[in-house]
Amino acid sequence: MRTTKGILLLLSALLLTGFLPATVFADNGHKTYQYLLGVDPLCSLAPDACPDVSSAPNGDTVAVAGMGTFDIRSMTATGSGTFVHTMADGTIRASGTWQATKLIAFHSFGSGSAQGLPSNFEGGLALIQVTLKVHDTPVFNAVLKVGCELGNPPGGWHEGIELTVLGAGINFNEKVSGFTLFILQ
């Protein structure tokens, strides 16, 4: 869980970079979220906050960073970022960009107010369909699993991402490091 110092740093960074709205309103019927994965202002919170890293059973890792939005009513998602697939021996196997194509599911863990953060900061689990591109050429579809442990997450839950690469025979299903955040818009 985040420390008090980390929470204050996050809040300060978000205020300074304009990520917080000037006024927070109660839910007016829409459910649109912004999501941040291993990007500023999260990077200032801890040495391993950025990028988000996940590992595969064979020891390979994937480092992911990016941001976007999703709407839980229309199940749409936008956003993009970068990825680097590193083999267990340290060799970079692939690097490129990812593009969100749709929201598969989202489950909120509740407001970050439980940790003293603004009420529109939420924890939860999002499954986002993405396209992985190398040199701007789509190479694989994948499911990006984004988890933020604010609010009231289930026991044993850990912050971070997982990436299931469809048709590639490799799944990065062990969270290693990195911070994420959902912000109710």
N, C-alpha and C. Protein backbone atom coordinates (compact mmCIF):
# COMPACT_ATOMS: atom_id res chain seq x y z
N MET A 1 0.85 -1.18 0.00
CA MET A 1 0.00 0.00 0.00
C MET A 1 0.89 1.24 0.00
N ARG A 2 0.36 2.31 -0.46
CA ARG A 2 1.09 3.55 -0.56
C ARG A 2 1.31 4.15 0.84
N THR A 3 2.46 4.77 1.04
CA THR A 3 2.74 5.41 2.30
C THR A 3 2.10 6.79 2.32
N THR A 4 2.02 7.38 3.52
CA THR A 4 1.47 8.73 3.63
C THR A 4 2.29 9.70 2.79
N LYS A 5 3.60 9.57 2.82
CA LYS A 5 4.46 10.44 2.01
C LYS A 5 4.16 10.24 0.53
N GLY A 6 4.00 8.99 0.11
CA GLY A 6 3.68 8.70 -1.29
C GLY A 6 2.35 9.30 -1.70
N ILE A 7 1.37 9.21 -0.81
CA ILE A 7 0.05 9.77 -1.11
C ILE A 7 0.15 11.28 -1.28
N LEU A 8 0.88 11.94 -0.37
CA LEU A 8 1.04 13.39 -0.49
C LEU A 8 1.79 13.77 -1.75
N LEU A 9 2.82 12.99 -2.11
CA LEU A 9 3.55 13.26 -3.36
C LEU A 9 2.65 13.09 -4.57
N LEU A 10 1.84 12.04 -4.58
CA LEU A 10 0.92 11.81 -5.69
C LEU A 10 -0.06 12.96 -5.82
N LEU A 11 -0.66 13.35 -4.72
CA LEU A 11 -1.64 14.44 -4.76
C LEU A 11 -0.99 15.73 -5.23
N SER A 12 0.20 16.03 -4.72
CA SER A 12 0.92 17.23 -5.15
C SER A 12 1.25 17.18 -6.63
N ALA A 13 1.75 16.04 -7.09
CA ALA A 13 2.12 15.91 -8.50
C ALA A 13 0.90 16.06 -9.40
N LEU A 14 -0.21 15.47 -9.00
CA LEU A 14 -1.42 15.57 -9.82
C LEU A 14 -1.96 17.00 -9.84
N LEU A 15 -1.88 17.69 -8.72
CA LEU A 15 -2.33 19.09 -8.69
C LEU A 15 -1.44 19.95 -9.58
N LEU A 16 -0.13 19.74 -9.51
CA LEU A 16 0.81 20.53 -10.30
C LEU A 16 0.71 20.27 -11.78
N THR A 17 0.36 19.06 -12.18
CA THR A 17 0.32 18.74 -13.60
C THR A 17 -1.07 18.87 -14.20
N GLY A 18 -2.05 19.28 -13.41
CA GLY A 18 -3.38 19.52 -13.95
C GLY A 18 -4.21 18.27 -14.16
N PHE A 19 -3.85 17.15 -13.54
CA PHE A 19 -4.64 15.93 -13.70
C PHE A 19 -5.92 15.97 -12.87
N LEU A 20 -5.97 16.82 -11.85
CA LEU A 20 -7.18 16.91 -11.04
C LEU A 20 -8.11 17.97 -11.60
N PRO A 21 -9.40 17.71 -11.67
CA PRO A 21 -10.33 18.75 -12.08
C PRO A 21 -10.40 19.82 -11.00
N ALA A 22 -10.77 21.03 -11.40
CA ALA A 22 -10.87 22.13 -10.46
C ALA A 22 -11.95 21.85 -9.42
N THR A 23 -13.03 21.22 -9.81
CA THR A 23 -14.12 20.90 -8.91
C THR A 23 -14.50 19.44 -9.13
N VAL A 24 -14.75 18.74 -8.05
CA VAL A 24 -15.17 17.35 -8.15
C VAL A 24 -16.67 17.30 -7.89
N PHE A 25 -17.44 16.74 -8.83
CA PHE A 25 -18.88 16.64 -8.70
C PHE A 25 -19.27 15.21 -8.40
N ALA A 26 -20.44 15.04 -7.82
CA ALA A 26 -20.98 13.70 -7.62
C ALA A 26 -21.25 13.07 -8.98
N ASP A 27 -21.35 11.75 -9.01
CA ASP A 27 -21.61 11.03 -10.26
C ASP A 27 -22.88 11.56 -10.90
N ASN A 28 -22.76 12.02 -12.14
CA ASN A 28 -23.92 12.57 -12.84
C ASN A 28 -24.49 11.58 -13.85
N GLY A 29 -24.19 10.30 -13.68
CA GLY A 29 -24.76 9.29 -14.56
C GLY A 29 -23.76 8.72 -15.55
N HIS A 30 -22.67 9.40 -15.82
CA HIS A 30 -21.67 8.84 -16.72
C HIS A 30 -20.62 8.10 -15.90
N LYS A 31 -19.95 7.22 -16.53
CA LYS A 31 -18.88 6.48 -15.86
C LYS A 31 -17.69 6.40 -16.80
N THR A 32 -17.03 7.52 -16.95
CA THR A 32 -15.82 7.58 -17.76
C THR A 32 -14.64 7.74 -16.82
N TYR A 33 -13.59 6.98 -17.09
CA TYR A 33 -12.39 7.01 -16.28
C TYR A 33 -11.19 7.34 -17.14
N GLN A 34 -10.23 8.04 -16.55
CA GLN A 34 -8.90 8.16 -17.13
C GLN A 34 -8.05 7.09 -16.43
N TYR A 35 -7.16 6.45 -17.17
CA TYR A 35 -6.25 5.49 -16.54
C TYR A 35 -4.81 5.89 -16.85
N LEU A 36 -3.95 5.69 -15.86
CA LEU A 36 -2.52 5.98 -15.97
C LEU A 36 -1.76 4.70 -15.65
N LEU A 37 -0.78 4.34 -16.50
CA LEU A 37 0.03 3.14 -16.30
C LEU A 37 1.50 3.52 -16.37
N GLY A 38 2.16 3.57 -15.25
CA GLY A 38 3.59 3.80 -15.25
C GLY A 38 4.04 5.05 -15.98
N VAL A 39 3.30 6.15 -15.82
CA VAL A 39 3.64 7.43 -16.45
C VAL A 39 3.62 8.53 -15.40
N ASP A 40 4.20 9.69 -15.75
CA ASP A 40 4.11 10.85 -14.86
C ASP A 40 2.65 11.19 -14.66
N PRO A 41 2.24 11.61 -13.52
CA PRO A 41 3.00 11.95 -12.32
C PRO A 41 3.27 10.78 -11.38
N LEU A 42 2.91 9.57 -11.75
CA LEU A 42 3.13 8.41 -10.88
C LEU A 42 4.61 8.11 -10.67
N CYS A 43 5.43 8.47 -11.65
CA CYS A 43 6.86 8.11 -11.63
C CYS A 43 7.61 8.71 -10.45
N SER A 44 7.13 9.83 -9.92
CA SER A 44 7.84 10.49 -8.82
C SER A 44 7.58 9.82 -7.47
N LEU A 45 6.70 8.84 -7.43
CA LEU A 45 6.31 8.24 -6.15
C LEU A 45 7.27 7.19 -5.60
N ALA A 46 7.96 6.48 -6.47
CA ALA A 46 8.87 5.42 -6.04
C ALA A 46 9.82 5.10 -7.19
N PRO A 47 11.01 4.58 -6.89
CA PRO A 47 11.96 4.26 -7.96
C PRO A 47 11.44 3.24 -8.96
N ASP A 48 10.55 2.33 -8.54
CA ASP A 48 10.05 1.30 -9.45
C ASP A 48 8.60 1.57 -9.90
N ALA A 49 8.15 2.82 -9.80
CA ALA A 49 6.77 3.17 -10.18
C ALA A 49 6.56 3.13 -11.69
N CYS A 50 7.60 3.42 -12.44
CA CYS A 50 7.48 3.50 -13.90
C CYS A 50 8.65 2.80 -14.58
N PRO A 51 8.40 2.08 -15.64
CA PRO A 51 7.11 1.68 -16.18
C PRO A 51 6.53 0.54 -15.34
N ASP A 52 5.34 0.09 -15.72
CA ASP A 52 4.75 -1.10 -15.10
C ASP A 52 5.41 -2.33 -15.74
N VAL A 53 5.84 -3.27 -14.91
CA VAL A 53 6.55 -4.46 -15.41
C VAL A 53 5.82 -5.72 -14.95
N SER A 54 5.71 -6.67 -15.86
CA SER A 54 5.11 -7.97 -15.57
C SER A 54 6.00 -9.05 -16.19
N SER A 55 6.00 -10.24 -15.59
CA SER A 55 6.86 -11.31 -16.11
C SER A 55 6.03 -12.51 -16.56
N ALA A 56 6.64 -13.29 -17.44
CA ALA A 56 6.05 -14.53 -17.95
C ALA A 56 6.70 -15.71 -17.23
N PRO A 57 6.08 -16.89 -17.28
CA PRO A 57 6.65 -18.07 -16.63
C PRO A 57 8.07 -18.42 -17.09
N ASN A 58 8.44 -18.06 -18.33
CA ASN A 58 9.78 -18.38 -18.83
C ASN A 58 10.83 -17.36 -18.42
N GLY A 59 10.45 -16.33 -17.63
CA GLY A 59 11.39 -15.32 -17.17
C GLY A 59 11.43 -14.06 -18.01
N ASP A 60 10.79 -14.07 -19.17
CA ASP A 60 10.69 -12.85 -19.98
C ASP A 60 9.87 -11.81 -19.22
N THR A 61 10.13 -10.53 -19.51
CA THR A 61 9.35 -9.45 -18.91
C THR A 61 8.82 -8.53 -19.99
N VAL A 62 7.77 -7.80 -19.64
CA VAL A 62 7.27 -6.74 -20.50
C VAL A 62 7.13 -5.49 -19.63
N ALA A 63 7.64 -4.39 -20.15
CA ALA A 63 7.51 -3.09 -19.49
C ALA A 63 6.50 -2.28 -20.30
N VAL A 64 5.49 -1.75 -19.62
CA VAL A 64 4.39 -1.04 -20.28
C VAL A 64 4.20 0.31 -19.62
N ALA A 65 3.96 1.33 -20.44
CA ALA A 65 3.61 2.67 -19.96
C ALA A 65 2.57 3.25 -20.90
N GLY A 66 1.71 4.10 -20.37
CA GLY A 66 0.73 4.76 -21.22
C GLY A 66 -0.44 5.30 -20.44
N MET A 67 -1.41 5.81 -21.17
CA MET A 67 -2.59 6.38 -20.54
C MET A 67 -3.73 6.43 -21.53
N GLY A 68 -4.93 6.63 -21.02
CA GLY A 68 -6.10 6.74 -21.88
C GLY A 68 -7.35 6.91 -21.06
N THR A 69 -8.49 6.64 -21.70
CA THR A 69 -9.79 6.72 -21.03
C THR A 69 -10.63 5.51 -21.41
N PHE A 70 -11.62 5.22 -20.58
CA PHE A 70 -12.61 4.22 -20.94
C PHE A 70 -13.95 4.61 -20.35
N ASP A 71 -15.01 4.11 -20.98
CA ASP A 71 -16.38 4.37 -20.55
C ASP A 71 -17.05 3.03 -20.27
N ILE A 72 -17.52 2.85 -19.04
CA ILE A 72 -18.07 1.54 -18.68
C ILE A 72 -19.49 1.33 -19.20
N ARG A 73 -20.16 2.37 -19.63
CA ARG A 73 -21.51 2.20 -20.19
C ARG A 73 -21.45 1.76 -21.65
N SER A 74 -20.57 2.40 -22.43
CA SER A 74 -20.45 2.05 -23.86
C SER A 74 -19.39 0.98 -24.11
N MET A 75 -18.60 0.65 -23.07
CA MET A 75 -17.51 -0.34 -23.16
C MET A 75 -16.47 0.07 -24.21
N THR A 76 -16.23 1.36 -24.32
CA THR A 76 -15.22 1.87 -25.25
C THR A 76 -13.96 2.23 -24.48
N ALA A 77 -12.84 2.20 -25.17
CA ALA A 77 -11.57 2.58 -24.57
C ALA A 77 -10.72 3.28 -25.62
N THR A 78 -10.01 4.29 -25.17
CA THR A 78 -9.01 4.97 -25.99
C THR A 78 -7.72 4.95 -25.20
N GLY A 79 -6.63 5.24 -25.86
CA GLY A 79 -5.36 5.33 -25.17
C GLY A 79 -4.26 4.63 -25.92
N SER A 80 -3.05 4.92 -25.49
CA SER A 80 -1.89 4.33 -26.14
C SER A 80 -0.69 4.45 -25.21
N GLY A 81 0.36 3.78 -25.62
CA GLY A 81 1.58 3.83 -24.85
C GLY A 81 2.66 3.00 -25.51
N THR A 82 3.63 2.61 -24.71
CA THR A 82 4.78 1.87 -25.22
C THR A 82 4.91 0.54 -24.49
N PHE A 83 5.64 -0.38 -25.12
CA PHE A 83 5.97 -1.65 -24.46
C PHE A 83 7.37 -2.07 -24.90
N VAL A 84 8.04 -2.80 -24.01
CA VAL A 84 9.34 -3.42 -24.32
C VAL A 84 9.30 -4.84 -23.78
N HIS A 85 9.47 -5.83 -24.67
CA HIS A 85 9.51 -7.24 -24.30
C HIS A 85 10.99 -7.63 -24.20
N THR A 86 11.42 -8.00 -22.99
CA THR A 86 12.80 -8.38 -22.73
C THR A 86 12.86 -9.86 -22.37
N MET A 87 13.74 -10.59 -23.03
CA MET A 87 13.90 -12.02 -22.75
C MET A 87 14.61 -12.20 -21.40
N ALA A 88 14.54 -13.40 -20.85
CA ALA A 88 15.12 -13.69 -19.54
C ALA A 88 16.62 -13.39 -19.49
N ASP A 89 17.32 -13.50 -20.63
CA ASP A 89 18.76 -13.23 -20.66
C ASP A 89 19.08 -11.75 -20.83
N GLY A 90 18.06 -10.88 -20.87
CA GLY A 90 18.27 -9.44 -21.01
C GLY A 90 18.19 -8.91 -22.42
N THR A 91 18.07 -9.78 -23.41
CA THR A 91 17.95 -9.37 -24.81
C THR A 91 16.56 -8.80 -25.06
N ILE A 92 16.51 -7.64 -25.70
CA ILE A 92 15.22 -7.06 -26.07
C ILE A 92 14.70 -7.81 -27.29
N ARG A 93 13.55 -8.45 -27.12
CA ARG A 93 12.96 -9.22 -28.21
C ARG A 93 12.09 -8.36 -29.11
N ALA A 94 11.36 -7.41 -28.52
CA ALA A 94 10.50 -6.53 -29.31
C ALA A 94 10.20 -5.28 -28.50
N SER A 95 9.99 -4.19 -29.20
CA SER A 95 9.53 -2.96 -28.56
C SER A 95 8.64 -2.23 -29.55
N GLY A 96 7.74 -1.46 -29.02
CA GLY A 96 6.82 -0.74 -29.90
C GLY A 96 5.78 0.00 -29.10
N THR A 97 4.60 0.11 -29.69
CA THR A 97 3.52 0.84 -29.07
C THR A 97 2.30 -0.06 -28.91
N TRP A 98 1.39 0.35 -28.06
CA TRP A 98 0.11 -0.32 -27.93
C TRP A 98 -0.99 0.71 -28.09
N GLN A 99 -2.12 0.24 -28.60
CA GLN A 99 -3.28 1.10 -28.85
C GLN A 99 -4.51 0.41 -28.26
N ALA A 100 -5.23 1.09 -27.38
CA ALA A 100 -6.46 0.53 -26.82
C ALA A 100 -7.53 0.46 -27.90
N THR A 101 -8.27 -0.66 -27.94
CA THR A 101 -9.33 -0.80 -28.94
C THR A 101 -10.72 -0.94 -28.32
N LYS A 102 -10.81 -1.51 -27.10
CA LYS A 102 -12.11 -1.56 -26.42
C LYS A 102 -11.94 -1.98 -24.98
N LEU A 103 -12.92 -1.62 -24.17
CA LEU A 103 -12.98 -2.07 -22.79
C LEU A 103 -13.71 -3.40 -22.74
N ILE A 104 -13.08 -4.39 -22.13
CA ILE A 104 -13.71 -5.70 -21.97
C ILE A 104 -14.50 -5.75 -20.67
N ALA A 105 -13.91 -5.23 -19.59
CA ALA A 105 -14.57 -5.25 -18.29
C ALA A 105 -13.89 -4.26 -17.35
N PHE A 106 -14.64 -3.80 -16.35
CA PHE A 106 -14.08 -2.98 -15.28
C PHE A 106 -14.84 -3.27 -13.99
N HIS A 107 -14.07 -3.45 -12.91
CA HIS A 107 -14.65 -3.63 -11.58
C HIS A 107 -13.96 -2.65 -10.65
N SER A 108 -14.74 -1.76 -10.05
CA SER A 108 -14.19 -0.76 -9.13
C SER A 108 -13.98 -1.37 -7.75
N PHE A 109 -12.86 -1.01 -7.11
CA PHE A 109 -12.60 -1.37 -5.72
C PHE A 109 -13.03 -0.24 -4.79
N GLY A 110 -13.53 0.86 -5.37
CA GLY A 110 -13.99 1.98 -4.57
C GLY A 110 -13.04 3.15 -4.60
N SER A 111 -13.45 4.17 -3.88
CA SER A 111 -12.76 5.46 -3.88
C SER A 111 -11.43 5.41 -3.13
N GLY A 112 -10.50 6.21 -3.63
CA GLY A 112 -9.22 6.38 -2.95
C GLY A 112 -9.33 7.22 -1.69
N SER A 113 -10.54 7.71 -1.39
CA SER A 113 -10.71 8.48 -0.16
C SER A 113 -10.40 7.61 1.06
N ALA A 114 -10.51 6.29 0.90
CA ALA A 114 -10.13 5.36 1.98
C ALA A 114 -8.66 5.51 2.35
N GLN A 115 -7.84 5.98 1.39
CA GLN A 115 -6.42 6.20 1.63
C GLN A 115 -6.11 7.70 1.77
N GLY A 116 -7.14 8.54 1.91
CA GLY A 116 -6.92 9.98 2.07
C GLY A 116 -6.73 10.73 0.77
N LEU A 117 -7.07 10.11 -0.35
CA LEU A 117 -6.92 10.75 -1.66
C LEU A 117 -8.27 11.30 -2.12
N PRO A 118 -8.29 12.09 -3.17
CA PRO A 118 -9.56 12.61 -3.68
C PRO A 118 -10.53 11.48 -4.01
N SER A 119 -11.81 11.75 -3.85
CA SER A 119 -12.83 10.71 -4.02
C SER A 119 -12.95 10.22 -5.45
N ASN A 120 -12.43 10.99 -6.43
CA ASN A 120 -12.51 10.52 -7.82
C ASN A 120 -11.31 9.65 -8.21
N PHE A 121 -10.35 9.44 -7.33
CA PHE A 121 -9.29 8.46 -7.54
C PHE A 121 -9.88 7.12 -7.11
N GLU A 122 -9.81 6.11 -7.98
CA GLU A 122 -10.39 4.82 -7.63
C GLU A 122 -9.42 3.68 -7.89
N GLY A 123 -9.59 2.66 -7.09
CA GLY A 123 -8.92 1.40 -7.35
C GLY A 123 -9.84 0.52 -8.15
N GLY A 124 -9.29 -0.49 -8.78
CA GLY A 124 -10.13 -1.39 -9.54
C GLY A 124 -9.32 -2.27 -10.46
N LEU A 125 -10.05 -3.01 -11.28
CA LEU A 125 -9.45 -3.90 -12.26
C LEU A 125 -10.12 -3.65 -13.60
N ALA A 126 -9.32 -3.31 -14.61
CA ALA A 126 -9.83 -3.09 -15.97
C ALA A 126 -9.17 -4.10 -16.90
N LEU A 127 -9.97 -4.65 -17.80
CA LEU A 127 -9.46 -5.49 -18.89
C LEU A 127 -9.68 -4.71 -20.17
N ILE A 128 -8.59 -4.38 -20.85
CA ILE A 128 -8.64 -3.54 -22.04
C ILE A 128 -8.03 -4.30 -23.21
N GLN A 129 -8.77 -4.41 -24.29
CA GLN A 129 -8.22 -5.03 -25.51
C GLN A 129 -7.31 -4.01 -26.17
N VAL A 130 -6.10 -4.45 -26.53
CA VAL A 130 -5.13 -3.56 -27.17
C VAL A 130 -4.53 -4.23 -28.40
N THR A 131 -4.01 -3.40 -29.28
CA THR A 131 -3.23 -3.88 -30.43
C THR A 131 -1.78 -3.50 -30.18
N LEU A 132 -0.88 -4.48 -30.28
CA LEU A 132 0.55 -4.23 -30.15
C LEU A 132 1.13 -3.98 -31.53
N LYS A 133 1.92 -2.91 -31.64
CA LYS A 133 2.50 -2.54 -32.93
C LYS A 133 4.02 -2.45 -32.80
N VAL A 134 4.71 -2.93 -33.83
CA VAL A 134 6.16 -2.78 -33.94
C VAL A 134 6.41 -2.04 -35.24
N HIS A 135 7.15 -0.95 -35.16
CA HIS A 135 7.38 -0.08 -36.32
C HIS A 135 6.05 0.31 -36.97
N ASP A 136 5.07 0.64 -36.14
CA ASP A 136 3.73 1.08 -36.58
C ASP A 136 2.92 0.01 -37.30
N THR A 137 3.40 -1.22 -37.30
CA THR A 137 2.67 -2.33 -37.93
C THR A 137 2.04 -3.20 -36.84
N PRO A 138 0.71 -3.39 -36.88
CA PRO A 138 0.08 -4.27 -35.88
C PRO A 138 0.64 -5.69 -35.98
N VAL A 139 1.07 -6.24 -34.84
CA VAL A 139 1.63 -7.59 -34.84
C VAL A 139 0.82 -8.57 -33.99
N PHE A 140 0.21 -8.11 -32.92
CA PHE A 140 -0.58 -8.97 -32.05
C PHE A 140 -1.71 -8.19 -31.41
N ASN A 141 -2.79 -8.89 -31.12
CA ASN A 141 -3.82 -8.37 -30.23
C ASN A 141 -3.51 -8.92 -28.85
N ALA A 142 -3.90 -8.17 -27.83
CA ALA A 142 -3.60 -8.58 -26.46
C ALA A 142 -4.67 -8.06 -25.53
N VAL A 143 -4.69 -8.61 -24.33
CA VAL A 143 -5.55 -8.11 -23.27
C VAL A 143 -4.64 -7.54 -22.19
N LEU A 144 -4.82 -6.25 -21.92
CA LEU A 144 -4.07 -5.55 -20.89
C LEU A 144 -4.93 -5.52 -19.63
N LYS A 145 -4.43 -6.14 -18.59
CA LYS A 145 -5.14 -6.20 -17.30
C LYS A 145 -4.49 -5.17 -16.39
N VAL A 146 -5.26 -4.16 -16.02
CA VAL A 146 -4.75 -3.04 -15.22
C VAL A 146 -5.37 -3.10 -13.83
N GLY A 147 -4.55 -3.16 -12.80
CA GLY A 147 -5.05 -3.20 -11.43
C GLY A 147 -4.48 -2.09 -10.58
N CYS A 148 -5.37 -1.39 -9.87
CA CYS A 148 -4.95 -0.34 -8.93
C CYS A 148 -5.51 -0.71 -7.56
N GLU A 149 -4.66 -0.68 -6.54
CA GLU A 149 -5.08 -1.18 -5.23
C GLU A 149 -5.64 -0.12 -4.29
N LEU A 150 -6.09 1.01 -4.82
CA LEU A 150 -6.79 1.99 -3.98
C LEU A 150 -8.18 1.45 -3.64
N GLY A 151 -8.85 2.14 -2.71
CA GLY A 151 -10.19 1.71 -2.31
C GLY A 151 -10.11 0.51 -1.40
N ASN A 152 -10.92 -0.50 -1.69
CA ASN A 152 -10.98 -1.70 -0.87
C ASN A 152 -10.76 -2.94 -1.75
N PRO A 153 -9.50 -3.18 -2.17
CA PRO A 153 -9.23 -4.33 -3.05
C PRO A 153 -9.35 -5.64 -2.28
N PRO A 154 -9.57 -6.74 -3.00
CA PRO A 154 -9.62 -8.04 -2.34
C PRO A 154 -8.26 -8.40 -1.73
N GLY A 155 -8.28 -9.24 -0.72
CA GLY A 155 -7.04 -9.68 -0.08
C GLY A 155 -6.09 -10.31 -1.07
N GLY A 156 -4.80 -10.04 -0.91
CA GLY A 156 -3.79 -10.61 -1.79
C GLY A 156 -3.63 -9.89 -3.12
N TRP A 157 -4.39 -8.82 -3.31
CA TRP A 157 -4.33 -8.07 -4.56
C TRP A 157 -3.04 -7.26 -4.63
N HIS A 158 -2.44 -7.14 -5.83
CA HIS A 158 -1.23 -6.36 -6.01
C HIS A 158 -1.41 -5.38 -7.17
N GLU A 159 -0.87 -4.21 -6.99
CA GLU A 159 -0.90 -3.15 -8.01
C GLU A 159 -0.11 -3.57 -9.24
N GLY A 160 -0.54 -3.16 -10.42
CA GLY A 160 0.25 -3.38 -11.62
C GLY A 160 -0.55 -3.84 -12.80
N ILE A 161 0.16 -4.39 -13.77
CA ILE A 161 -0.46 -4.83 -15.03
C ILE A 161 -0.09 -6.28 -15.32
N GLU A 162 -0.91 -6.89 -16.16
CA GLU A 162 -0.59 -8.17 -16.78
C GLU A 162 -0.92 -8.01 -18.26
N LEU A 163 -0.24 -8.75 -19.11
CA LEU A 163 -0.48 -8.66 -20.55
C LEU A 163 -0.58 -10.07 -21.12
N THR A 164 -1.75 -10.39 -21.66
CA THR A 164 -1.97 -11.68 -22.32
C THR A 164 -1.91 -11.43 -23.81
N VAL A 165 -0.87 -11.94 -24.47
CA VAL A 165 -0.67 -11.73 -25.90
C VAL A 165 -1.35 -12.87 -26.64
N LEU A 166 -2.39 -12.55 -27.39
CA LEU A 166 -3.20 -13.56 -28.07
C LEU A 166 -2.45 -14.13 -29.27
N GLY A 167 -2.33 -15.45 -29.33
CA GLY A 167 -1.69 -16.12 -30.45
C GLY A 167 -0.17 -16.12 -30.43
N ALA A 168 0.44 -15.62 -29.36
CA ALA A 168 1.90 -15.55 -29.31
C ALA A 168 2.51 -16.64 -28.44
N GLY A 169 1.69 -17.31 -27.65
CA GLY A 169 2.22 -18.36 -26.80
C GLY A 169 2.95 -17.84 -25.58
N ILE A 170 2.79 -16.56 -25.23
CA ILE A 170 3.43 -16.02 -24.04
C ILE A 170 2.46 -15.07 -23.34
N ASN A 171 2.38 -15.25 -22.03
CA ASN A 171 1.51 -14.41 -21.22
C ASN A 171 2.30 -13.86 -20.04
N PHE A 172 2.28 -12.57 -19.90
CA PHE A 172 2.98 -11.89 -18.81
C PHE A 172 1.97 -11.75 -17.67
N ASN A 173 1.95 -12.77 -16.80
CA ASN A 173 0.88 -12.84 -15.81
C ASN A 173 1.35 -12.72 -14.36
N GLU A 174 2.56 -12.23 -14.16
CA GLU A 174 3.07 -12.02 -12.80
C GLU A 174 3.50 -10.56 -12.67
N LYS A 175 2.77 -9.81 -11.84
CA LYS A 175 3.09 -8.39 -11.64
C LYS A 175 4.44 -8.28 -10.94
N VAL A 176 5.30 -7.41 -11.46
CA VAL A 176 6.63 -7.21 -10.88
C VAL A 176 6.71 -5.86 -10.18
N SER A 177 6.37 -4.79 -10.89
CA SER A 177 6.47 -3.45 -10.31
C SER A 177 5.63 -2.48 -11.12
N GLY A 178 5.51 -1.28 -10.60
CA GLY A 178 4.81 -0.21 -11.30
C GLY A 178 3.55 0.23 -10.61
N PHE A 179 3.17 1.48 -10.89
CA PHE A 179 1.97 2.07 -10.30
C PHE A 179 0.95 2.36 -11.40
N THR A 180 -0.31 2.28 -11.02
CA THR A 180 -1.43 2.57 -11.91
C THR A 180 -2.42 3.45 -11.15
N LEU A 181 -3.35 4.07 -11.90
CA LEU A 181 -4.38 4.89 -11.25
C LEU A 181 -5.57 5.02 -12.18
N PHE A 182 -6.77 4.95 -11.60
CA PHE A 182 -8.02 5.25 -12.31
C PHE A 182 -8.57 6.55 -11.73
N ILE A 183 -8.97 7.47 -12.61
CA ILE A 183 -9.54 8.75 -12.17
C ILE A 183 -10.92 8.89 -12.80
N LEU A 184 -11.95 8.93 -11.95
CA LEU A 184 -13.31 9.11 -12.44
C LEU A 184 -13.43 10.53 -12.99
N GLN A 185 -13.91 10.64 -14.22
CA GLN A 185 -14.01 11.95 -14.88
C GLN A 185 -15.35 12.61 -14.62
